[in-house]
N, C-alpha and C. Protein backbone atom coordinates (compact mmCIF):
# COMPACT_ATOMS: atom_id res chain seq x y z
N MET A 1 -12.30 -38.47 127.21
CA MET A 1 -13.03 -38.96 126.06
C MET A 1 -14.30 -39.65 126.58
N PRO A 2 -15.46 -39.35 126.02
CA PRO A 2 -16.69 -40.02 126.45
C PRO A 2 -16.62 -41.52 126.15
N GLY A 3 -17.12 -42.31 127.08
CA GLY A 3 -17.15 -43.76 126.87
C GLY A 3 -18.37 -44.16 126.06
N GLN A 4 -18.35 -45.38 125.58
CA GLN A 4 -19.47 -45.89 124.81
C GLN A 4 -19.70 -47.34 125.21
N LEU A 5 -20.90 -47.65 125.62
CA LEU A 5 -21.26 -49.00 126.03
C LEU A 5 -21.95 -49.68 124.85
N THR A 6 -21.37 -50.78 124.38
CA THR A 6 -21.92 -51.47 123.21
C THR A 6 -22.07 -52.96 123.50
N ASP A 7 -22.91 -53.61 122.72
CA ASP A 7 -23.10 -55.05 122.82
C ASP A 7 -22.11 -55.71 121.87
N ASP A 8 -21.09 -56.33 122.43
CA ASP A 8 -20.04 -56.95 121.63
C ASP A 8 -20.20 -58.47 121.55
N THR A 9 -21.41 -58.96 121.77
CA THR A 9 -21.66 -60.40 121.74
C THR A 9 -21.17 -61.03 120.44
N GLU A 10 -21.51 -60.42 119.31
CA GLU A 10 -21.13 -60.98 118.02
C GLU A 10 -19.60 -61.06 117.88
N LEU A 11 -18.91 -60.03 118.33
CA LEU A 11 -17.46 -60.02 118.27
C LEU A 11 -16.89 -61.19 119.09
N PHE A 12 -17.36 -61.36 120.32
CA PHE A 12 -16.85 -62.43 121.17
C PHE A 12 -17.18 -63.80 120.59
N GLU A 13 -18.34 -63.95 119.99
CA GLU A 13 -18.70 -65.22 119.36
C GLU A 13 -17.77 -65.53 118.19
N LYS A 14 -17.41 -64.50 117.42
CA LYS A 14 -16.49 -64.70 116.31
C LYS A 14 -15.09 -65.09 116.80
N VAL A 15 -14.63 -64.45 117.86
CA VAL A 15 -13.32 -64.82 118.43
C VAL A 15 -13.36 -66.26 118.90
N ALA A 16 -14.42 -66.64 119.62
CA ALA A 16 -14.55 -68.01 120.14
C ALA A 16 -14.57 -69.05 119.02
N SER A 17 -15.15 -68.69 117.88
CA SER A 17 -15.25 -69.64 116.76
C SER A 17 -13.98 -69.69 115.91
N GLY A 18 -13.01 -68.81 116.20
CA GLY A 18 -11.76 -68.79 115.44
C GLY A 18 -11.83 -67.94 114.18
N PHE A 19 -12.87 -67.17 114.03
CA PHE A 19 -13.08 -66.35 112.83
C PHE A 19 -11.88 -65.46 112.50
N TYR A 20 -11.25 -64.89 113.52
CA TYR A 20 -10.14 -63.95 113.30
C TYR A 20 -8.77 -64.61 113.30
N ASN A 21 -8.70 -65.91 113.50
CA ASN A 21 -7.40 -66.58 113.52
C ASN A 21 -6.79 -66.60 112.13
N LYS A 22 -5.50 -66.43 112.09
CA LYS A 22 -4.74 -66.43 110.83
C LYS A 22 -3.67 -67.51 110.92
N PRO A 23 -3.36 -68.16 109.79
CA PRO A 23 -2.38 -69.25 109.82
C PRO A 23 -0.99 -68.85 110.33
N ASP A 24 -0.59 -67.61 110.10
CA ASP A 24 0.75 -67.18 110.47
C ASP A 24 0.83 -66.52 111.85
N ARG A 25 -0.27 -66.58 112.60
CA ARG A 25 -0.29 -65.97 113.94
C ARG A 25 -0.78 -66.98 114.97
N LYS A 26 -0.42 -66.74 116.21
CA LYS A 26 -0.93 -67.54 117.31
C LYS A 26 -2.45 -67.35 117.38
N PRO A 27 -3.23 -68.42 117.57
CA PRO A 27 -4.69 -68.27 117.65
C PRO A 27 -5.10 -67.35 118.82
N LEU A 28 -6.12 -66.56 118.59
CA LEU A 28 -6.64 -65.70 119.65
C LEU A 28 -7.29 -66.56 120.72
N GLU A 29 -7.10 -66.15 121.97
CA GLU A 29 -7.72 -66.86 123.09
C GLU A 29 -8.78 -65.95 123.70
N LEU A 30 -9.91 -66.53 124.02
CA LEU A 30 -10.99 -65.78 124.65
C LEU A 30 -11.02 -66.14 126.13
N TYR A 31 -10.97 -65.15 126.98
CA TYR A 31 -11.00 -65.37 128.42
C TYR A 31 -12.34 -64.93 128.96
N LYS A 32 -12.86 -65.70 129.89
CA LYS A 32 -14.14 -65.39 130.50
C LYS A 32 -13.95 -65.36 132.01
N LEU A 33 -14.33 -64.26 132.61
CA LEU A 33 -14.22 -64.11 134.06
C LEU A 33 -15.62 -64.16 134.66
N ARG A 34 -15.86 -65.14 135.50
CA ARG A 34 -17.16 -65.26 136.16
C ARG A 34 -17.06 -64.64 137.55
N VAL A 35 -17.95 -63.71 137.82
CA VAL A 35 -17.97 -63.01 139.10
C VAL A 35 -19.39 -63.06 139.64
N PRO A 36 -19.59 -63.62 140.82
CA PRO A 36 -20.95 -63.63 141.38
C PRO A 36 -21.39 -62.21 141.75
N ILE A 37 -22.66 -61.91 141.50
CA ILE A 37 -23.21 -60.61 141.86
C ILE A 37 -24.55 -60.80 142.54
N ASP A 38 -24.92 -59.82 143.35
CA ASP A 38 -26.22 -59.88 144.01
C ASP A 38 -27.26 -59.15 143.16
N SER A 39 -28.51 -59.23 143.58
CA SER A 39 -29.60 -58.66 142.76
C SER A 39 -29.49 -57.14 142.64
N GLN A 40 -29.01 -56.46 143.66
CA GLN A 40 -28.85 -55.00 143.60
C GLN A 40 -27.80 -54.61 142.56
N THR A 41 -26.70 -55.34 142.53
CA THR A 41 -25.66 -55.09 141.54
C THR A 41 -26.19 -55.37 140.14
N TYR A 42 -26.95 -56.43 139.99
CA TYR A 42 -27.54 -56.78 138.70
C TYR A 42 -28.44 -55.64 138.19
N LEU A 43 -29.23 -55.07 139.08
CA LEU A 43 -30.10 -53.96 138.69
C LEU A 43 -29.29 -52.73 138.26
N LYS A 44 -28.18 -52.49 138.95
CA LYS A 44 -27.30 -51.37 138.56
C LYS A 44 -26.70 -51.61 137.17
N ILE A 45 -26.34 -52.86 136.90
CA ILE A 45 -25.79 -53.20 135.59
C ILE A 45 -26.84 -52.96 134.51
N LEU A 46 -28.06 -53.41 134.75
CA LEU A 46 -29.13 -53.19 133.78
C LEU A 46 -29.36 -51.70 133.52
N GLU A 47 -29.27 -50.90 134.56
CA GLU A 47 -29.45 -49.46 134.42
C GLU A 47 -28.33 -48.85 133.57
N GLU A 48 -27.09 -49.30 133.77
CA GLU A 48 -25.97 -48.81 132.96
C GLU A 48 -26.14 -49.20 131.50
N ILE A 49 -26.62 -50.43 131.27
CA ILE A 49 -26.85 -50.87 129.90
C ILE A 49 -27.93 -50.01 129.26
N LYS A 50 -29.01 -49.77 130.00
CA LYS A 50 -30.10 -48.94 129.49
C LYS A 50 -29.61 -47.53 129.14
N ASN A 51 -28.75 -46.98 129.99
CA ASN A 51 -28.22 -45.62 129.78
C ASN A 51 -27.00 -45.59 128.85
N GLN A 52 -26.58 -46.75 128.39
CA GLN A 52 -25.42 -46.88 127.50
C GLN A 52 -24.15 -46.25 128.07
N GLY A 53 -24.03 -46.26 129.38
CA GLY A 53 -22.81 -45.74 130.00
C GLY A 53 -22.67 -44.24 129.94
N ASN A 54 -23.74 -43.53 129.60
CA ASN A 54 -23.67 -42.06 129.53
C ASN A 54 -23.19 -41.48 130.85
N GLY A 55 -22.35 -40.48 130.75
CA GLY A 55 -21.82 -39.81 131.94
C GLY A 55 -20.49 -40.39 132.40
N SER A 56 -20.06 -41.50 131.79
CA SER A 56 -18.77 -42.10 132.14
C SER A 56 -17.74 -41.72 131.08
N LEU A 57 -16.52 -41.61 131.50
CA LEU A 57 -15.43 -41.28 130.59
C LEU A 57 -14.52 -42.49 130.43
N TYR A 58 -13.75 -42.52 129.33
CA TYR A 58 -12.90 -43.64 128.99
C TYR A 58 -11.45 -43.19 128.90
N MET A 59 -10.55 -44.05 129.36
CA MET A 59 -9.13 -43.82 129.13
C MET A 59 -8.42 -45.16 129.09
N LEU A 60 -7.29 -45.19 128.40
CA LEU A 60 -6.46 -46.37 128.40
C LEU A 60 -5.68 -46.42 129.70
N PRO A 61 -5.47 -47.61 130.25
CA PRO A 61 -4.75 -47.70 131.52
C PRO A 61 -3.26 -47.44 131.36
N LYS A 62 -2.67 -46.98 132.45
CA LYS A 62 -1.22 -46.78 132.52
C LYS A 62 -0.74 -47.50 133.77
N LYS A 63 0.35 -48.21 133.64
CA LYS A 63 0.90 -48.97 134.76
C LYS A 63 1.12 -48.06 135.97
N ASP A 64 0.61 -48.47 137.11
CA ASP A 64 0.77 -47.77 138.39
C ASP A 64 0.13 -46.39 138.43
N VAL A 65 -0.82 -46.12 137.53
CA VAL A 65 -1.56 -44.85 137.54
C VAL A 65 -3.03 -45.19 137.72
N PRO A 66 -3.62 -44.89 138.89
CA PRO A 66 -5.02 -45.24 139.11
C PRO A 66 -5.96 -44.40 138.24
N PHE A 67 -7.12 -44.97 137.96
CA PHE A 67 -8.13 -44.24 137.20
C PHE A 67 -8.72 -43.13 138.06
N PRO A 68 -8.84 -41.93 137.52
CA PRO A 68 -9.53 -40.87 138.25
C PRO A 68 -11.01 -41.23 138.41
N PRO A 69 -11.72 -40.56 139.31
CA PRO A 69 -13.15 -40.84 139.49
C PRO A 69 -13.94 -40.71 138.19
N ASN A 70 -14.87 -41.62 137.98
CA ASN A 70 -15.80 -41.63 136.83
C ASN A 70 -15.10 -41.81 135.48
N ILE A 71 -13.89 -42.37 135.50
CA ILE A 71 -13.18 -42.70 134.27
C ILE A 71 -12.84 -44.18 134.32
N TYR A 72 -13.15 -44.90 133.21
CA TYR A 72 -13.04 -46.35 133.19
C TYR A 72 -12.48 -46.83 131.85
N ASN A 73 -12.24 -48.12 131.78
CA ASN A 73 -12.04 -48.80 130.51
C ASN A 73 -12.87 -50.08 130.56
N CYS A 74 -12.74 -50.93 129.53
CA CYS A 74 -13.60 -52.11 129.48
C CYS A 74 -13.38 -53.06 130.65
N ALA A 75 -12.21 -53.04 131.26
CA ALA A 75 -11.91 -53.93 132.38
C ALA A 75 -12.38 -53.36 133.72
N THR A 76 -12.61 -52.07 133.80
CA THR A 76 -12.96 -51.47 135.10
C THR A 76 -14.40 -50.94 135.18
N PHE A 77 -15.06 -50.81 134.03
CA PHE A 77 -16.37 -50.15 134.00
C PHE A 77 -17.39 -50.75 134.95
N TRP A 78 -17.49 -52.08 134.97
CA TRP A 78 -18.54 -52.70 135.79
C TRP A 78 -18.28 -52.57 137.28
N GLY A 79 -17.09 -52.17 137.67
CA GLY A 79 -16.82 -51.89 139.08
C GLY A 79 -17.68 -50.74 139.60
N LYS A 80 -18.07 -49.82 138.71
CA LYS A 80 -18.91 -48.70 139.15
C LYS A 80 -20.29 -49.17 139.57
N CYS A 81 -20.67 -50.38 139.14
CA CYS A 81 -21.98 -50.95 139.50
C CYS A 81 -21.89 -51.82 140.75
N GLY A 82 -20.69 -52.02 141.25
CA GLY A 82 -20.52 -52.85 142.43
C GLY A 82 -19.95 -54.23 142.16
N VAL A 83 -19.59 -54.51 140.89
CA VAL A 83 -18.97 -55.79 140.58
C VAL A 83 -17.58 -55.81 141.21
N ASP A 84 -17.27 -56.90 141.92
CA ASP A 84 -15.99 -57.04 142.59
C ASP A 84 -14.93 -57.39 141.55
N LEU A 85 -14.08 -56.43 141.21
CA LEU A 85 -13.05 -56.63 140.20
C LEU A 85 -11.80 -57.26 140.83
N PRO A 86 -11.19 -58.23 140.14
CA PRO A 86 -9.98 -58.83 140.70
C PRO A 86 -8.78 -57.88 140.67
N HIS A 87 -8.81 -56.92 139.75
CA HIS A 87 -7.73 -55.92 139.64
C HIS A 87 -8.37 -54.58 139.29
N LYS A 88 -7.83 -53.53 139.83
CA LYS A 88 -8.35 -52.18 139.57
C LYS A 88 -7.54 -51.43 138.52
N SER A 89 -6.46 -52.07 138.03
CA SER A 89 -5.53 -51.39 137.13
C SER A 89 -6.13 -51.12 135.76
N GLY A 90 -7.08 -51.95 135.32
CA GLY A 90 -7.62 -51.81 133.98
C GLY A 90 -6.76 -52.44 132.91
N ILE A 91 -5.66 -53.04 133.31
CA ILE A 91 -4.76 -53.70 132.37
C ILE A 91 -5.21 -55.16 132.25
N LEU A 92 -5.71 -55.51 131.06
CA LEU A 92 -6.33 -56.83 130.88
C LEU A 92 -5.40 -57.99 131.18
N THR A 93 -4.11 -57.85 130.90
CA THR A 93 -3.20 -58.95 131.19
C THR A 93 -3.08 -59.22 132.69
N ASP A 94 -3.44 -58.27 133.53
CA ASP A 94 -3.47 -58.51 134.98
C ASP A 94 -4.58 -59.50 135.35
N TYR A 95 -5.62 -59.58 134.53
CA TYR A 95 -6.76 -60.45 134.80
C TYR A 95 -6.48 -61.89 134.36
N ILE A 96 -5.56 -62.06 133.43
CA ILE A 96 -5.32 -63.38 132.83
C ILE A 96 -4.32 -64.17 133.63
């Protein structure tokens, strides 16, 4: 399936403000992972944003099944630019 790179800033701001919280559910938690990057990696990220991730494919992760080349999800995509990912599984709970 072709991937799609979008600006989800508004969504994350709404989660942080509690917009989606419901009285009968546990409040949503927003996690932020800070990873230092060098200028070359930053330029690669800007290029991916400009190209909207074209040429990359998307798949949901499966436990103990590595991503094939050029296939990512939201947790693994920036690794293609050289961002040092704490986990390669693509399973978000591994990051938390």
